């Protein structure tokens, strides 16, 4: 049995990696919104924080009614209770990675957890 799982390039508007990689401690998705489009709902979480990395393009997140401009290279963390929705700019698609983990669950950092 192997200690790793590898997949190829993510395709489509949304690729969820939990099943494809057999993730057990995080949910990771790769997402693309076409220019002028948005995630079609506002949502929050019970226990999971989300960390976003903007791969390309530009747009915005609206968190608890506050607009946050986003562009390539930006990182954004949203606490579980933050009510969020994402939008691509009218003239640009936006692609991003979303990493979802249980808030407060990190037990050790890399140096402390290494063998």
Protein backbone atom coordinates (compact mmCIF):
# COMPACT_ATOMS: atom_id res chain seq x y z
CA UNK A 1 0.00 0.00 0.00
CA UNK A 2 1.29 3.44 -0.92
CA UNK A 3 1.69 6.39 1.43
CA UNK A 4 0.60 8.89 -1.21
CA UNK A 5 -2.13 9.59 -3.76
CA UNK A 6 -1.58 11.61 -6.93
CA UNK A 7 -4.10 12.94 -9.43
CA UNK A 8 -3.76 15.06 -12.57
CA UNK A 9 -4.81 18.61 -13.32
CA UNK A 10 -8.17 19.77 -11.97
CA UNK A 11 -10.77 20.26 -14.72
CA UNK A 12 -14.08 22.12 -14.78
CA UNK A 13 -15.63 24.79 -12.58
CA UNK A 14 -15.11 22.87 -9.31
CA UNK A 15 -12.96 19.91 -8.38
CA UNK A 16 -13.31 18.54 -4.84
CA UNK A 17 -10.25 16.62 -3.72
CA UNK A 18 -11.54 14.79 -0.62
CA UNK A 19 -12.62 11.69 -2.57
CA UNK A 20 -9.99 11.92 -5.32
CA UNK A 21 -7.08 12.05 -2.84
CA UNK A 22 -8.65 10.24 0.13
CA UNK A 23 -8.31 13.28 2.41
CA UNK A 24 -9.04 12.67 6.09
CA UNK A 25 -8.27 16.00 7.76
CA UNK A 26 -9.16 18.70 5.22
CA UNK A 27 -11.49 19.51 2.36
CA UNK A 28 -9.75 21.13 -0.61
CA UNK A 29 -11.38 22.29 -3.81
CA UNK A 30 -10.16 24.00 -6.96
CA UNK A 31 -12.72 26.49 -8.29
CA UNK A 32 -13.20 28.74 -11.31
CA UNK A 33 -15.89 31.37 -11.77
CA UNK A 34 -16.49 32.82 -15.23
CA UNK A 35 -16.27 36.60 -15.64
CA UNK A 36 -19.35 38.23 -14.13
CA UNK A 37 -20.54 35.10 -12.32
CA UNK A 38 -20.68 34.19 -8.64
CA UNK A 39 -21.11 31.32 -6.23
CA UNK A 40 -24.93 31.13 -6.27
CA UNK A 41 -25.41 31.18 -2.49
CA UNK A 42 -24.21 32.76 0.75
CA UNK A 43 -22.95 30.29 3.32
CA UNK A 44 -21.19 29.86 6.67
CA UNK A 45 -19.94 26.80 8.52
CA UNK A 46 -20.53 25.22 11.93
CA UNK A 47 -16.91 24.30 12.70
CA UNK A 48 -14.70 24.73 9.64
CA UNK A 49 -12.60 27.75 8.72
CA UNK A 50 -11.77 28.26 5.05
CA UNK A 51 -8.48 29.45 3.56
CA UNK A 52 -8.56 30.71 -0.02
CA UNK A 53 -5.66 31.21 -2.43
CA UNK A 54 -6.35 33.14 -5.63
CA UNK A 55 -4.62 31.34 -8.51
CA UNK A 56 -5.56 33.79 -11.26
CA UNK A 57 -7.97 36.55 -12.22
CA UNK A 58 -9.78 38.97 -9.99
CA UNK A 59 -13.03 39.36 -8.14
CA UNK A 60 -14.30 39.83 -4.63
CA UNK A 61 -15.55 38.05 -1.57
CA UNK A 62 -18.38 39.44 0.51
CA UNK A 63 -18.00 38.39 4.14
CA UNK A 64 -20.66 39.51 6.62
CA UNK A 65 -21.62 42.27 4.19
CA UNK A 66 -18.05 43.58 3.76
CA UNK A 67 -16.57 43.53 0.23
CA UNK A 68 -12.98 42.29 -0.05
CA UNK A 69 -11.19 42.78 -3.38
CA UNK A 70 -9.28 39.70 -4.54
CA UNK A 71 -6.59 39.21 -7.19
CA UNK A 72 -3.95 36.68 -8.17
CA UNK A 73 -1.64 35.79 -5.28
CA UNK A 74 -4.01 36.87 -2.48
CA UNK A 75 -4.72 34.68 0.54
CA UNK A 76 -7.94 35.00 2.58
CA UNK A 77 -9.00 33.18 5.76
CA UNK A 78 -12.64 33.21 6.83
CA UNK A 79 -13.77 32.08 10.30
CA UNK A 80 -16.54 29.46 10.41
CA UNK A 81 -19.32 31.92 11.31
CA UNK A 82 -18.43 34.39 8.53
CA UNK A 83 -21.25 34.50 5.98
CA UNK A 84 -19.50 34.45 2.61
CA UNK A 85 -20.07 34.61 -1.13
CA UNK A 86 -17.57 34.88 -4.01
CA UNK A 87 -17.81 36.87 -7.24
CA UNK A 88 -15.68 37.08 -10.38
CA UNK A 89 -15.03 40.57 -11.73
CA UNK A 90 -17.28 41.61 -14.65
CA UNK A 91 -14.26 41.51 -17.00
CA UNK A 92 -12.23 38.62 -15.53
CA UNK A 93 -12.73 35.03 -14.44
CA UNK A 94 -11.29 34.06 -11.08
CA UNK A 95 -9.70 30.74 -10.11
CA UNK A 96 -8.96 29.80 -6.52
CA UNK A 97 -8.17 26.99 -4.14
CA UNK A 98 -10.32 26.61 -1.02
CA UNK A 99 -8.87 24.70 1.95
CA UNK A 100 -11.41 23.85 4.64
CA UNK A 101 -10.28 22.60 8.06
CA UNK A 102 -11.77 22.44 11.54
CA UNK A 103 -11.02 25.71 13.32
CA UNK A 104 -8.63 25.27 16.26
CA UNK A 105 -7.62 21.73 15.26
CA UNK A 106 -3.95 22.31 14.42
CA UNK A 107 -2.02 20.36 17.04
CA UNK A 108 1.52 20.98 15.84
CA UNK A 109 3.35 22.94 13.16
CA UNK A 110 5.71 21.37 10.62
CA UNK A 111 8.87 21.52 12.77
CA UNK A 112 7.05 20.12 15.82
CA UNK A 113 5.26 17.37 13.88
CA UNK A 114 8.23 16.12 11.82
CA UNK A 115 9.97 12.86 12.63
